[in-house]
Amino acid sequence: MQNISVDDKQYIVTKNYKNGFDLDKFKERYTDYFDNYDYILGDWAYGKLRLKGFCEKNNKQFNDINDIDNLDNYILTMCANDCAYFVLKRKM
């Protein structure tokens, strides 16, 4: 697992499907909007990186649409078929 740092936040790359993780592109897209999420999914569609935040149930930002337990379903239904993607977990 790869450790990364962005805007003084620490993350671990927990999944890097089809080598989807690109640190430079991630840093270009990252904003403080993602600071309170436990996980960040990055997926590639039409050559562009999309980011989506997910939470564990004990996170105050938690709701059904960002439940980390729904990550696999989100990838199947909302991402391009068999696209490259990555998952980052925030280090506490």
PDB file of N, CA and C in Angstrom:
ATOM      1  N   MET A   1       0.838  -1.189   0.000  1.00  0.00           N
ATOM      2  CA  MET A   1       0.000   0.000   0.000  1.00  0.00           C
ATOM      3  C   MET A   1       0.876   1.242   0.000  1.00  0.00           C
ATOM      4  N   GLN A   2       0.482   2.186  -0.764  1.00  0.00           N
ATOM      5  CA  GLN A   2       1.234   3.423  -0.931  1.00  0.00           C
ATOM      6  C   GLN A   2       0.658   4.502  -0.030  1.00  0.00           C
ATOM      7  N   ASN A   3       1.523   5.209   0.678  1.00  0.00           N
ATOM      8  CA  ASN A   3       1.116   6.353   1.487  1.00  0.00           C
ATOM      9  C   ASN A   3       1.307   7.620   0.678  1.00  0.00           C
ATOM     10  N   ILE A   4       0.338   8.533   0.768  1.00  0.00           N
ATOM     11  CA  ILE A   4       0.466   9.813   0.082  1.00  0.00           C
ATOM     12  C   ILE A   4       0.048  10.940   1.019  1.00  0.00           C
ATOM     13  N   SER A   5       0.461  12.138   0.681  1.00  0.00           N
ATOM     14  CA  SER A   5       0.114  13.323   1.449  1.00  0.00           C
ATOM     15  C   SER A   5      -0.348  14.403   0.474  1.00  0.00           C
ATOM     16  N   VAL A   6      -1.465  15.055   0.823  1.00  0.00           N
ATOM     17  CA  VAL A   6      -1.964  16.162   0.029  1.00  0.00           C
ATOM     18  C   VAL A   6      -2.618  17.160   0.985  1.00  0.00           C
ATOM     19  N   ASP A   7      -2.239  18.411   0.871  1.00  0.00           N
ATOM     20  CA  ASP A   7      -2.777  19.472   1.733  1.00  0.00           C
ATOM     21  C   ASP A   7      -2.735  19.076   3.216  1.00  0.00           C
ATOM     22  N   ASP A   8      -1.622  18.553   3.661  1.00  0.00           N
ATOM     23  CA  ASP A   8      -1.414  18.129   5.043  1.00  0.00           C
ATOM     24  C   ASP A   8      -2.327  16.998   5.497  1.00  0.00           C
ATOM     25  N   LYS A   9      -2.964  16.312   4.571  1.00  0.00           N
ATOM     26  CA  LYS A   9      -3.786  15.135   4.874  1.00  0.00           C
ATOM     27  C   LYS A   9      -3.023  13.904   4.401  1.00  0.00           C
ATOM     28  N   GLN A  10      -3.134  12.848   5.179  1.00  0.00           N
ATOM     29  CA  GLN A  10      -2.443  11.600   4.868  1.00  0.00           C
ATOM     30  C   GLN A  10      -3.458  10.554   4.389  1.00  0.00           C
ATOM     31  N   TYR A  11      -3.119   9.852   3.327  1.00  0.00           N
ATOM     32  CA  TYR A  11      -3.972   8.811   2.768  1.00  0.00           C
ATOM     33  C   TYR A  11      -3.150   7.572   2.460  1.00  0.00           C
ATOM     34  N   ILE A  12      -3.841   6.454   2.393  1.00  0.00           N
ATOM     35  CA  ILE A  12      -3.258   5.189   1.961  1.00  0.00           C
ATOM     36  C   ILE A  12      -4.022   4.755   0.711  1.00  0.00           C
ATOM     37  N   VAL A  13      -3.303   4.379  -0.329  1.00  0.00           N
ATOM     38  CA  VAL A  13      -3.938   3.834  -1.526  1.00  0.00           C
ATOM     39  C   VAL A  13      -4.298   2.386  -1.201  1.00  0.00           C
ATOM     40  N   THR A  14      -5.604   2.110  -1.063  1.00  0.00           N
ATOM     41  CA  THR A  14      -6.030   0.758  -0.709  1.00  0.00           C
ATOM     42  C   THR A  14      -6.369  -0.077  -1.932  1.00  0.00           C
ATOM     43  N   LYS A  15      -6.653   0.568  -3.050  1.00  0.00           N
ATOM     44  CA  LYS A  15      -6.933  -0.142  -4.298  1.00  0.00           C
ATOM     45  C   LYS A  15      -6.477   0.737  -5.444  1.00  0.00           C
ATOM     46  N   ASN A  16      -5.838   0.119  -6.416  1.00  0.00           N
ATOM     47  CA  ASN A  16      -5.333   0.831  -7.589  1.00  0.00           C
ATOM     48  C   ASN A  16      -5.619  -0.028  -8.816  1.00  0.00           C
ATOM     49  N   TYR A  17      -6.887  -0.075  -9.208  1.00  0.00           N
ATOM     50  CA  TYR A  17      -7.338  -0.927 -10.297  1.00  0.00           C
ATOM     51  C   TYR A  17      -6.887  -0.356 -11.639  1.00  0.00           C
ATOM     52  N   LYS A  18      -6.232  -1.200 -12.424  1.00  0.00           N
ATOM     53  CA  LYS A  18      -5.708  -0.813 -13.743  1.00  0.00           C
ATOM     54  C   LYS A  18      -4.784   0.400 -13.662  1.00  0.00           C
ATOM     55  N   ASN A  19      -4.026   0.505 -12.578  1.00  0.00           N
ATOM     56  CA  ASN A  19      -3.092   1.624 -12.376  1.00  0.00           C
ATOM     57  C   ASN A  19      -3.780   2.983 -12.519  1.00  0.00           C
ATOM     58  N   GLY A  20      -4.970   3.088 -11.955  1.00  0.00           N
ATOM     59  CA  GLY A  20      -5.747   4.316 -12.056  1.00  0.00           C
ATOM     60  C   GLY A  20      -5.209   5.484 -11.245  1.00  0.00           C
ATOM     61  N   PHE A  21      -4.359   5.207 -10.262  1.00  0.00           N
ATOM     62  CA  PHE A  21      -3.890   6.292  -9.403  1.00  0.00           C
ATOM     63  C   PHE A  21      -2.755   7.065 -10.051  1.00  0.00           C
ATOM     64  N   ASP A  22      -2.950   8.369 -10.164  1.00  0.00           N
ATOM     65  CA  ASP A  22      -1.944   9.302 -10.686  1.00  0.00           C
ATOM     66  C   ASP A  22      -1.873  10.442  -9.673  1.00  0.00           C
ATOM     67  N   LEU A  23      -0.786  10.500  -8.918  1.00  0.00           N
ATOM     68  CA  LEU A  23      -0.663  11.475  -7.833  1.00  0.00           C
ATOM     69  C   LEU A  23      -0.809  12.907  -8.333  1.00  0.00           C
ATOM     70  N   ASP A  24      -0.171  13.235  -9.435  1.00  0.00           N
ATOM     71  CA  ASP A  24      -0.257  14.607  -9.947  1.00  0.00           C
ATOM     72  C   ASP A  24      -1.687  14.976 -10.335  1.00  0.00           C
ATOM     73  N   LYS A  25      -2.377  14.088 -11.026  1.00  0.00           N
ATOM     74  CA  LYS A  25      -3.770  14.365 -11.422  1.00  0.00           C
ATOM     75  C   LYS A  25      -4.676  14.445 -10.193  1.00  0.00           C
ATOM     76  N   PHE A  26      -4.411  13.571  -9.204  1.00  0.00           N
ATOM     77  CA  PHE A  26      -5.205  13.613  -7.982  1.00  0.00           C
ATOM     78  C   PHE A  26      -5.032  14.961  -7.283  1.00  0.00           C
ATOM     79  N   LYS A  27      -3.805  15.421  -7.153  1.00  0.00           N
ATOM     80  CA  LYS A  27      -3.554  16.707  -6.490  1.00  0.00           C
ATOM     81  C   LYS A  27      -4.195  17.864  -7.243  1.00  0.00           C
ATOM     82  N   GLU A  28      -4.277  17.781  -8.559  1.00  0.00           N
ATOM     83  CA  GLU A  28      -4.944  18.827  -9.354  1.00  0.00           C
ATOM     84  C   GLU A  28      -6.434  18.888  -9.032  1.00  0.00           C
ATOM     85  N   ARG A  29      -7.057  17.734  -8.801  1.00  0.00           N
ATOM     86  CA  ARG A  29      -8.500  17.665  -8.595  1.00  0.00           C
ATOM     87  C   ARG A  29      -8.926  17.799  -7.123  1.00  0.00           C
ATOM     88  N   TYR A  30      -8.016  17.522  -6.223  1.00  0.00           N
ATOM     89  CA  TYR A  30      -8.337  17.517  -4.795  1.00  0.00           C
ATOM     90  C   TYR A  30      -8.643  18.932  -4.301  1.00  0.00           C
ATOM     91  N   THR A  31      -9.709  19.042  -3.485  1.00  0.00           N
ATOM     92  CA  THR A  31     -10.032  20.295  -2.804  1.00  0.00           C
ATOM     93  C   THR A  31     -10.332  19.963  -1.343  1.00  0.00           C
ATOM     94  N   ASP A  32     -10.445  20.988  -0.516  1.00  0.00           N
ATOM     95  CA  ASP A  32     -10.749  20.760   0.892  1.00  0.00           C
ATOM     96  C   ASP A  32     -12.145  20.174   1.106  1.00  0.00           C
ATOM     97  N   TYR A  33     -12.963  20.141   0.084  1.00  0.00           N
ATOM     98  CA  TYR A  33     -14.273  19.490   0.150  1.00  0.00           C
ATOM     99  C   TYR A  33     -14.138  18.046   0.636  1.00  0.00           C
ATOM    100  N   PHE A  34     -13.055  17.384   0.271  1.00  0.00           N
ATOM    101  CA  PHE A  34     -12.860  15.971   0.596  1.00  0.00           C
ATOM    102  C   PHE A  34     -12.234  15.741   1.968  1.00  0.00           C
ATOM    103  N   ASP A  35     -11.888  16.783   2.682  1.00  0.00           N
ATOM    104  CA  ASP A  35     -11.182  16.641   3.962  1.00  0.00           C
ATOM    105  C   ASP A  35     -11.928  15.812   5.001  1.00  0.00           C
ATOM    106  N   ASN A  36     -13.243  15.845   5.001  1.00  0.00           N
ATOM    107  CA  ASN A  36     -14.013  15.157   6.038  1.00  0.00           C
ATOM    108  C   ASN A  36     -14.458  13.751   5.648  1.00  0.00           C
ATOM    109  N   TYR A  37     -14.119  13.322   4.452  1.00  0.00           N
ATOM    110  CA  TYR A  37     -14.483  11.972   4.031  1.00  0.00           C
ATOM    111  C   TYR A  37     -13.418  10.981   4.461  1.00  0.00           C
ATOM    112  N   ASP A  38     -13.853   9.764   4.777  1.00  0.00           N
ATOM    113  CA  ASP A  38     -12.926   8.705   5.184  1.00  0.00           C
ATOM    114  C   ASP A  38     -12.234   8.063   3.990  1.00  0.00           C
ATOM    115  N   TYR A  39     -12.903   8.071   2.850  1.00  0.00           N
ATOM    116  CA  TYR A  39     -12.372   7.455   1.628  1.00  0.00           C
ATOM    117  C   TYR A  39     -12.619   8.376   0.449  1.00  0.00           C
ATOM    118  N   ILE A  40     -11.751   8.267  -0.537  1.00  0.00           N
ATOM    119  CA  ILE A  40     -11.954   8.971  -1.798  1.00  0.00           C
ATOM    120  C   ILE A  40     -11.801   7.960  -2.922  1.00  0.00           C
ATOM    121  N   LEU A  41     -12.802   7.906  -3.777  1.00  0.00           N
ATOM    122  CA  LEU A  41     -12.746   7.101  -4.985  1.00  0.00           C
ATOM    123  C   LEU A  41     -12.379   8.024  -6.138  1.00  0.00           C
ATOM    124  N   GLY A  42     -11.415   7.625  -6.913  1.00  0.00           N
ATOM    125  CA  GLY A  42     -11.080   8.343  -8.142  1.00  0.00           C
ATOM    126  C   GLY A  42     -11.288   7.407  -9.302  1.00  0.00           C
ATOM    127  N   ASP A  43     -12.121   7.798 -10.270  1.00  0.00           N
ATOM    128  CA  ASP A  43     -12.336   6.950 -11.445  1.00  0.00           C
ATOM    129  C   ASP A  43     -12.133   7.777 -12.710  1.00  0.00           C
ATOM    130  N   TRP A  44     -11.749   7.086 -13.758  1.00  0.00           N
ATOM    131  CA  TRP A  44     -11.433   7.735 -15.025  1.00  0.00           C
ATOM    132  C   TRP A  44     -12.553   7.505 -16.030  1.00  0.00           C
ATOM    133  N   ALA A  45     -13.058   8.594 -16.612  1.00  0.00           N
ATOM    134  CA  ALA A  45     -14.078   8.538 -17.649  1.00  0.00           C
ATOM    135  C   ALA A  45     -13.722   9.548 -18.727  1.00  0.00           C
ATOM    136  N   TYR A  46     -13.599   9.075 -19.950  1.00  0.00           N
ATOM    137  CA  TYR A  46     -13.288   9.943 -21.086  1.00  0.00           C
ATOM    138  C   TYR A  46     -12.023  10.764 -20.845  1.00  0.00           C
ATOM    139  N   GLY A  47     -11.022  10.127 -20.224  1.00  0.00           N
ATOM    140  CA  GLY A  47      -9.738  10.777 -19.993  1.00  0.00           C
ATOM    141  C   GLY A  47      -9.727  11.776 -18.849  1.00  0.00           C
ATOM    142  N   LYS A  48     -10.816  11.853 -18.089  1.00  0.00           N
ATOM    143  CA  LYS A  48     -10.883  12.799 -16.973  1.00  0.00           C
ATOM    144  C   LYS A  48     -11.051  12.053 -15.656  1.00  0.00           C
ATOM    145  N   LEU A  49     -10.387  12.570 -14.639  1.00  0.00           N
ATOM    146  CA  LEU A  49     -10.479  11.987 -13.304  1.00  0.00           C
ATOM    147  C   LEU A  49     -11.660  12.582 -12.556  1.00  0.00           C
ATOM    148  N   ARG A  50     -12.509  11.704 -12.017  1.00  0.00           N
ATOM    149  CA  ARG A  50     -13.634  12.124 -11.183  1.00  0.00           C
ATOM    150  C   ARG A  50     -13.358  11.652  -9.765  1.00  0.00           C
ATOM    151  N   LEU A  51     -13.707  12.455  -8.777  1.00  0.00           N
ATOM    152  CA  LEU A  51     -13.518  12.093  -7.377  1.00  0.00           C
ATOM    153  C   LEU A  51     -14.859  12.057  -6.660  1.00  0.00           C
ATOM    154  N   LYS A  52     -14.986  11.105  -5.732  1.00  0.00           N
ATOM    155  CA  LYS A  52     -16.208  10.975  -4.930  1.00  0.00           C
ATOM    156  C   LYS A  52     -15.795  10.570  -3.524  1.00  0.00           C
ATOM    157  N   GLY A  53     -16.355  11.228  -2.514  1.00  0.00           N
ATOM    158  CA  GLY A  53     -16.060  10.915  -1.126  1.00  0.00           C
ATOM    159  C   GLY A  53     -17.019   9.894  -0.548  1.00  0.00           C
ATOM    160  N   PHE A  54     -16.495   9.045   0.324  1.00  0.00           N
ATOM    161  CA  PHE A  54     -17.284   8.031   1.018  1.00  0.00           C
ATOM    162  C   PHE A  54     -16.949   8.068   2.508  1.00  0.00           C
ATOM    163  N   CYS A  55     -17.905   7.607   3.322  1.00  0.00           N
ATOM    164  CA  CYS A  55     -17.740   7.650   4.781  1.00  0.00           C
ATOM    165  C   CYS A  55     -18.053   6.312   5.422  1.00  0.00           C
ATOM    166  N   GLU A  56     -17.463   6.129   6.581  1.00  0.00           N
ATOM    167  CA  GLU A  56     -17.861   5.045   7.461  1.00  0.00           C
ATOM    168  C   GLU A  56     -19.063   5.524   8.272  1.00  0.00           C
ATOM    169  N   LYS A  57     -19.787   4.597   8.841  1.00  0.00           N
ATOM    170  CA  LYS A  57     -21.040   4.929   9.536  1.00  0.00           C
ATOM    171  C   LYS A  57     -20.861   5.870  10.724  1.00  0.00           C
ATOM    172  N   ASN A  58     -19.695   5.889  11.343  1.00  0.00           N
ATOM    173  CA  ASN A  58     -19.485   6.749  12.512  1.00  0.00           C
ATOM    174  C   ASN A  58     -19.066   8.177  12.154  1.00  0.00           C
ATOM    175  N   ASN A  59     -18.938   8.491  10.877  1.00  0.00           N
ATOM    176  CA  ASN A  59     -18.560   9.826  10.417  1.00  0.00           C
ATOM    177  C   ASN A  59     -19.799  10.724  10.405  1.00  0.00           C
ATOM    178  N   LYS A  60     -19.662  11.944  10.899  1.00  0.00           N
ATOM    179  CA  LYS A  60     -20.816  12.859  10.943  1.00  0.00           C
ATOM    180  C   LYS A  60     -21.311  13.236   9.544  1.00  0.00           C
ATOM    181  N   GLN A  61     -20.492  13.064   8.517  1.00  0.00           N
ATOM    182  CA  GLN A  61     -20.893  13.336   7.136  1.00  0.00           C
ATOM    183  C   GLN A  61     -21.651  12.173   6.505  1.00  0.00           C
ATOM    184  N   PHE A  62     -21.762  11.058   7.216  1.00  0.00           N
ATOM    185  CA  PHE A  62     -22.353   9.835   6.676  1.00  0.00           C
ATOM    186  C   PHE A  62     -23.796  10.039   6.256  1.00  0.00           C
ATOM    187  N   ASN A  63     -24.123   9.500   5.089  1.00  0.00           N
ATOM    188  CA  ASN A  63     -25.502   9.310   4.655  1.00  0.00           C
ATOM    189  C   ASN A  63     -25.499   8.162   3.645  1.00  0.00           C
ATOM    190  N   ASP A  64     -26.664   7.746   3.217  1.00  0.00           N
ATOM    191  CA  ASP A  64     -26.750   6.561   2.364  1.00  0.00           C
ATOM    192  C   ASP A  64     -25.968   6.694   1.060  1.00  0.00           C
ATOM    193  N   ILE A  65     -25.915   7.876   0.477  1.00  0.00           N
ATOM    194  CA  ILE A  65     -25.252   8.003  -0.820  1.00  0.00           C
ATOM    195  C   ILE A  65     -23.727   7.993  -0.726  1.00  0.00           C
ATOM    196  N   ASN A  66     -23.177   8.189   0.470  1.00  0.00           N
ATOM    197  CA  ASN A  66     -21.716   8.143   0.592  1.00  0.00           C
ATOM    198  C   ASN A  66     -21.250   7.040   1.551  1.00  0.00           C
ATOM    199  N   ASP A  67     -22.090   6.035   1.750  1.00  0.00           N
ATOM    200  CA  ASP A  67     -21.768   4.895   2.611  1.00  0.00           C
ATOM    201  C   ASP A  67     -20.686   4.043   1.945  1.00  0.00           C
ATOM    202  N   ILE A  68     -19.555   3.856   2.603  1.00  0.00           N
ATOM    203  CA  ILE A  68     -18.452   3.090   2.030  1.00  0.00           C
ATOM    204  C   ILE A  68     -18.874   1.656   1.734  1.00  0.00           C
ATOM    205  N   ASP A  69     -19.871   1.150   2.424  1.00  0.00           N
ATOM    206  CA  ASP A  69     -20.356  -0.206   2.153  1.00  0.00           C
ATOM    207  C   ASP A  69     -21.005  -0.316   0.773  1.00  0.00           C
ATOM    208  N   ASN A  70     -21.341   0.813   0.167  1.00  0.00           N
ATOM    209  CA  ASN A  70     -21.947   0.825  -1.167  1.00  0.00           C
ATOM    210  C   ASN A  70     -20.935   1.114  -2.276  1.00  0.00           C
ATOM    211  N   LEU A  71     -19.658   1.110  -1.946  1.00  0.00           N
ATOM    212  CA  LEU A  71     -18.621   1.455  -2.927  1.00  0.00           C
ATOM    213  C   LEU A  71     -18.671   0.560  -4.160  1.00  0.00           C
ATOM    214  N   ASP A  72     -18.728  -0.751  -3.980  1.00  0.00           N
ATOM    215  CA  ASP A  72     -18.724  -1.661  -5.129  1.00  0.00           C
ATOM    216  C   ASP A  72     -19.925  -1.420  -6.030  1.00  0.00           C
ATOM    217  N   ASN A  73     -21.088  -1.199  -5.431  1.00  0.00           N
ATOM    218  CA  ASN A  73     -22.281  -0.916  -6.223  1.00  0.00           C
ATOM    219  C   ASN A  73     -22.131   0.403  -6.987  1.00  0.00           C
ATOM    220  N   TYR A  74     -21.550   1.412  -6.330  1.00  0.00           N
ATOM    221  CA  TYR A  74     -21.322   2.696  -6.997  1.00  0.00           C
ATOM    222  C   TYR A  74     -20.423   2.512  -8.218  1.00  0.00           C
ATOM    223  N   ILE A  75     -19.356   1.753  -8.055  1.00  0.00           N
ATOM    224  CA  ILE A  75     -18.432   1.521  -9.175  1.00  0.00           C
ATOM    225  C   ILE A  75     -19.157   0.828 -10.326  1.00  0.00           C
ATOM    226  N   LEU A  76     -19.987  -0.162 -10.015  1.00  0.00           N
ATOM    227  CA  LEU A  76     -20.708  -0.898 -11.060  1.00  0.00           C
ATOM    228  C   LEU A  76     -21.746  -0.045 -11.774  1.00  0.00           C
ATOM    229  N   THR A  77     -22.411   0.841 -11.041  1.00  0.00           N
ATOM    230  CA  THR A  77     -23.536   1.567 -11.622  1.00  0.00           C
ATOM    231  C   THR A  77     -23.218   2.992 -12.073  1.00  0.00           C
ATOM    232  N   MET A  78     -22.209   3.625 -11.479  1.00  0.00           N
ATOM    233  CA  MET A  78     -21.964   5.031 -11.767  1.00  0.00           C
ATOM    234  C   MET A  78     -20.649   5.305 -12.509  1.00  0.00           C
ATOM    235  N   CYS A  79     -19.810   4.301 -12.620  1.00  0.00           N
ATOM    236  CA  CYS A  79     -18.528   4.483 -13.291  1.00  0.00           C
ATOM    237  C   CYS A  79     -18.567   3.806 -14.656  1.00  0.00           C
ATOM    238  N   ALA A  80     -17.708   4.252 -15.551  1.00  0.00           N
ATOM    239  CA  ALA A  80     -17.606   3.628 -16.866  1.00  0.00           C
ATOM    240  C   ALA A  80     -17.236   2.156 -16.695  1.00  0.00           C
ATOM    241  N   ASN A  81     -17.776   1.309 -17.552  1.00  0.00           N
ATOM    242  CA  ASN A  81     -17.552  -0.127 -17.467  1.00  0.00           C
ATOM    243  C   ASN A  81     -16.065  -0.471 -17.483  1.00  0.00           C
ATOM    244  N   ASP A  82     -15.622  -1.155 -16.438  1.00  0.00           N
ATOM    245  CA  ASP A  82     -14.243  -1.638 -16.304  1.00  0.00           C
ATOM    246  C   ASP A  82     -13.202  -0.519 -16.390  1.00  0.00           C
ATOM    247  N   CYS A  83     -13.552   0.649 -15.907  1.00  0.00           N
ATOM    248  CA  CYS A  83     -12.629   1.788 -15.957  1.00  0.00           C
ATOM    249  C   CYS A  83     -11.516   1.631 -14.920  1.00  0.00           C
ATOM    250  N   ALA A  84     -10.454   2.356 -15.123  1.00  0.00           N
ATOM    251  CA  ALA A  84      -9.379   2.434 -14.129  1.00  0.00           C
ATOM    252  C   ALA A  84      -9.893   3.283 -12.966  1.00  0.00           C
ATOM    253  N   TYR A  85      -9.555   2.869 -11.752  1.00  0.00           N
ATOM    254  CA  TYR A  85      -9.958   3.633 -10.582  1.00  0.00           C
ATOM    255  C   TYR A  85      -9.011   3.344  -9.418  1.00  0.00           C
ATOM    256  N   PHE A  86      -9.160   4.149  -8.375  1.00  0.00           N
ATOM    257  CA  PHE A  86      -8.390   3.939  -7.155  1.00  0.00           C
ATOM    258  C   PHE A  86      -9.239   4.327  -5.945  1.00  0.00           C
ATOM    259  N   VAL A  87      -8.853   3.792  -4.790  1.00  0.00           N
ATOM    260  CA  VAL A  87      -9.510   4.125  -3.537  1.00  0.00           C
ATOM    261  C   VAL A  87      -8.442   4.535  -2.544  1.00  0.00           C
ATOM    262  N   LEU A  88      -8.645   5.693  -1.928  1.00  0.00           N
ATOM    263  CA  LEU A  88      -7.757   6.177  -0.890  1.00  0.00           C
ATOM    264  C   LEU A  88      -8.487   6.146   0.439  1.00  0.00           C
ATOM    265  N   LYS A  89      -7.786   5.754   1.497  1.00  0.00           N
ATOM    266  CA  LYS A  89      -8.342   5.803   2.847  1.00  0.00           C
ATOM    267  C   LYS A  89      -7.568   6.839   3.639  1.00  0.00           C
ATOM    268  N   ARG A  90      -8.294   7.745   4.268  1.00  0.00           N
ATOM    269  CA  ARG A  90      -7.665   8.785   5.092  1.00  0.00           C
ATOM    270  C   ARG A  90      -7.082   8.163   6.349  1.00  0.00           C
ATOM    271  N   LYS A  91      -5.872   8.541   6.669  1.00  0.00           N
ATOM    272  CA  LYS A  91      -5.245   8.091   7.912  1.00  0.00           C
ATOM    273  C   LYS A  91      -5.713   9.021   9.021  1.00  0.00           C
ATOM    274  N   MET A  92      -6.137   8.469  10.123  1.00  0.00           N
ATOM    275  CA  MET A  92      -6.659   9.252  11.229  1.00  0.00           C
ATOM    276  C   MET A  92      -5.546   9.802  12.074  1.00  0.00           C
TER     277      MET A  92
END
